Every structure is written in structure tokens, then in C-alpha cells.
């Protein structure tokens, strides 16, 4: 299994709810997603990011299919316009 974790920091907190909604909607649109959770940071410290995504896939090929899927690309386009920064980690998990 492959775990895909992404943290987002937004230019304006007003975009957090839409980003969360759009990311969660991908579960119904992309069959390769085995697990998906999206959470908004509750501590709001200086080092915090605003939103976290955790997704799991059966294989690296499934992760790659997700990344190029049109529904995912649509969300990526929106987030790219409103984010301050983004970081990600992808790793082999059980």
C-alpha cells in the first residue's frame, strides 16, 4: 500500500472549507483511492499548516493514476491559485 500525505497552507483561510470539500469529493470520483481523509488544523500555531490530506492506494501505479486524473487536476488547479505553500510525503505502508 502507498500512503500519500499532503499539507496545505493557504493565503486566506476563507479557502480552507472549499479545498476540504473538493478534496473529499475525490473519493467518489477516483476509484483508485482506497482511503481518504482531510482535516483542518485545530491548533493554528505558527508552524501549523491549514489542511492535511491522507490518501491510501494499493500501488504506486494507482497513486500515479490519481495524480493525473482530471478530477484531481481540477482540484490541484484551484488549490494552486489560493495556496501559500504545500508539502507532501509518499511512502510504502502496510
C-alpha atoms as a PDB file:
ATOM      1  CA  UNK A   1       0.000   0.000   0.000  1.00  0.00           C
ATOM      2  CA  UNK A   2       1.115   3.573  -0.709  1.00  0.00           C
ATOM      3  CA  UNK A   3       0.299   6.404   1.691  1.00  0.00           C
ATOM      4  CA  UNK A   4       0.129   9.937   0.263  1.00  0.00           C
ATOM      5  CA  UNK A   5       0.179  12.803   2.774  1.00  0.00           C
ATOM      6  CA  UNK A   6      -0.101  16.464   1.786  1.00  0.00           C
ATOM      7  CA  UNK A   7      -0.141  19.596   3.957  1.00  0.00           C
ATOM      8  CA  UNK A   8      -1.536  22.865   2.618  1.00  0.00           C
ATOM      9  CA  UNK A   9      -1.123  26.431   3.859  1.00  0.00           C
ATOM     10  CA  UNK A  10      -3.497  28.937   2.295  1.00  0.00           C
ATOM     11  CA  UNK A  11      -3.048  32.632   1.566  1.00  0.00           C
ATOM     12  CA  UNK A  12      -6.514  33.250   3.043  1.00  0.00           C
ATOM     13  CA  UNK A  13      -8.341  30.981   5.492  1.00  0.00           C
ATOM     14  CA  UNK A  14     -11.545  31.596   3.515  1.00  0.00           C
ATOM     15  CA  UNK A  15     -10.407  28.929   1.021  1.00  0.00           C
ATOM     16  CA  UNK A  16      -9.968  26.102   3.537  1.00  0.00           C
ATOM     17  CA  UNK A  17     -13.567  24.825   3.548  1.00  0.00           C
ATOM     18  CA  UNK A  18     -13.836  24.691  -0.233  1.00  0.00           C
ATOM     19  CA  UNK A  19     -10.489  22.900  -0.532  1.00  0.00           C
ATOM     20  CA  UNK A  20     -11.584  20.347   2.087  1.00  0.00           C
ATOM     21  CA  UNK A  21     -14.907  19.772   0.319  1.00  0.00           C
ATOM     22  CA  UNK A  22     -13.295  19.435  -3.118  1.00  0.00           C
ATOM     23  CA  UNK A  23     -10.630  17.032  -1.859  1.00  0.00           C
ATOM     24  CA  UNK A  24     -13.140  14.819  -0.036  1.00  0.00           C
ATOM     25  CA  UNK A  25     -15.293  14.665  -3.178  1.00  0.00           C
ATOM     26  CA  UNK A  26     -12.422  12.908  -4.987  1.00  0.00           C
ATOM     27  CA  UNK A  27     -13.222   9.670  -3.110  1.00  0.00           C
ATOM     28  CA  UNK A  28     -16.391   9.281  -5.186  1.00  0.00           C
ATOM     29  CA  UNK A  29     -14.719  10.249  -8.457  1.00  0.00           C
ATOM     30  CA  UNK A  30     -11.435   8.319  -8.439  1.00  0.00           C
ATOM     31  CA  UNK A  31     -11.745   4.548  -7.939  1.00  0.00           C
ATOM     32  CA  UNK A  32      -8.044   4.037  -7.121  1.00  0.00           C
ATOM     33  CA  UNK A  33      -8.456   5.811  -3.763  1.00  0.00           C
ATOM     34  CA  UNK A  34      -8.693   3.172  -1.010  1.00  0.00           C
ATOM     35  CA  UNK A  35      -8.785   5.597   1.930  1.00  0.00           C
ATOM     36  CA  UNK A  36      -9.165   9.360   2.079  1.00  0.00           C
ATOM     37  CA  UNK A  37      -9.305  11.755   4.978  1.00  0.00           C
ATOM     38  CA  UNK A  38      -8.962  15.516   5.037  1.00  0.00           C
ATOM     39  CA  UNK A  39      -8.630  17.534   8.226  1.00  0.00           C
ATOM     40  CA  UNK A  40      -8.442  21.185   9.174  1.00  0.00           C
ATOM     41  CA  UNK A  41      -5.766  22.148  11.699  1.00  0.00           C
ATOM     42  CA  UNK A  42      -7.202  22.951  15.129  1.00  0.00           C
ATOM     43  CA  UNK A  43      -4.123  24.367  16.878  1.00  0.00           C
ATOM     44  CA  UNK A  44      -3.404  27.208  14.437  1.00  0.00           C
ATOM     45  CA  UNK A  45       0.164  27.643  15.686  1.00  0.00           C
ATOM     46  CA  UNK A  46       2.873  29.449  13.748  1.00  0.00           C
ATOM     47  CA  UNK A  47       4.288  26.154  12.466  1.00  0.00           C
ATOM     48  CA  UNK A  48       0.892  24.651  11.576  1.00  0.00           C
ATOM     49  CA  UNK A  49      -0.383  24.057   8.088  1.00  0.00           C
ATOM     50  CA  UNK A  50      -4.076  24.720   7.469  1.00  0.00           C
ATOM     51  CA  UNK A  51      -5.214  21.447   5.931  1.00  0.00           C
ATOM     52  CA  UNK A  52      -3.961  17.857   5.778  1.00  0.00           C
ATOM     53  CA  UNK A  53      -4.831  15.166   3.259  1.00  0.00           C
ATOM     54  CA  UNK A  54      -4.099  11.482   3.841  1.00  0.00           C
ATOM     55  CA  UNK A  55      -4.856   9.092   0.987  1.00  0.00           C
ATOM     56  CA  UNK A  56      -4.013   5.419   0.542  1.00  0.00           C
ATOM     57  CA  UNK A  57      -3.596   3.476  -2.688  1.00  0.00           C
ATOM     58  CA  UNK A  58      -2.974  -0.188  -3.463  1.00  0.00           C
ATOM     59  CA  UNK A  59       0.077   0.589  -5.584  1.00  0.00           C
ATOM     60  CA  UNK A  60       2.358   3.295  -6.917  1.00  0.00           C
ATOM     61  CA  UNK A  61       0.591   2.928 -10.275  1.00  0.00           C
ATOM     62  CA  UNK A  62      -2.732   3.722  -8.570  1.00  0.00           C
ATOM     63  CA  UNK A  63      -1.204   6.819  -6.946  1.00  0.00           C
ATOM     64  CA  UNK A  64       0.071   7.935 -10.330  1.00  0.00           C
ATOM     65  CA  UNK A  65      -3.377   7.368 -11.883  1.00  0.00           C
ATOM     66  CA  UNK A  66      -4.881   9.512  -9.134  1.00  0.00           C
ATOM     67  CA  UNK A  67      -2.373  12.287  -9.723  1.00  0.00           C
ATOM     68  CA  UNK A  68      -3.230  12.615 -13.413  1.00  0.00           C
ATOM     69  CA  UNK A  69      -6.983  12.021 -13.067  1.00  0.00           C
ATOM     70  CA  UNK A  70      -8.958  15.019 -14.431  1.00  0.00           C
ATOM     71  CA  UNK A  71     -10.967  15.411 -11.195  1.00  0.00           C
ATOM     72  CA  UNK A  72      -7.745  15.613  -9.179  1.00  0.00           C
ATOM     73  CA  UNK A  73      -6.189  18.022 -11.662  1.00  0.00           C
ATOM     74  CA  UNK A  74      -9.216  20.304 -11.308  1.00  0.00           C
ATOM     75  CA  UNK A  75      -8.733  20.470  -7.521  1.00  0.00           C
ATOM     76  CA  UNK A  76      -4.976  20.962  -7.941  1.00  0.00           C
ATOM     77  CA  UNK A  77      -5.635  23.918 -10.230  1.00  0.00           C
ATOM     78  CA  UNK A  78      -7.893  25.617  -7.673  1.00  0.00           C
ATOM     79  CA  UNK A  79      -5.530  24.974  -4.765  1.00  0.00           C
ATOM     80  CA  UNK A  80      -2.516  26.219  -6.741  1.00  0.00           C
ATOM     81  CA  UNK A  81      -4.257  29.579  -7.092  1.00  0.00           C
ATOM     82  CA  UNK A  82      -5.048  30.004  -3.381  1.00  0.00           C
ATOM     83  CA  UNK A  83      -2.246  28.231  -1.524  1.00  0.00           C
ATOM     84  CA  UNK A  84       0.758  29.791   0.101  1.00  0.00           C
ATOM     85  CA  UNK A  85       2.688  26.521   0.317  1.00  0.00           C
ATOM     86  CA  UNK A  86       2.304  22.776   0.068  1.00  0.00           C
ATOM     87  CA  UNK A  87       4.447  19.836   1.183  1.00  0.00           C
ATOM     88  CA  UNK A  88       3.967  16.134   0.598  1.00  0.00           C
ATOM     89  CA  UNK A  89       5.307  12.740   1.592  1.00  0.00           C
ATOM     90  CA  UNK A  90       4.582   9.473  -0.209  1.00  0.00           C
ATOM     91  CA  UNK A  91       5.696   6.187   1.323  1.00  0.00           C
ATOM     92  CA  UNK A  92       5.218   2.438   1.305  1.00  0.00           C
ATOM     93  CA  UNK A  93       2.884   1.409   4.143  1.00  0.00           C
ATOM     94  CA  UNK A  94       1.055  -1.649   5.365  1.00  0.00           C
END
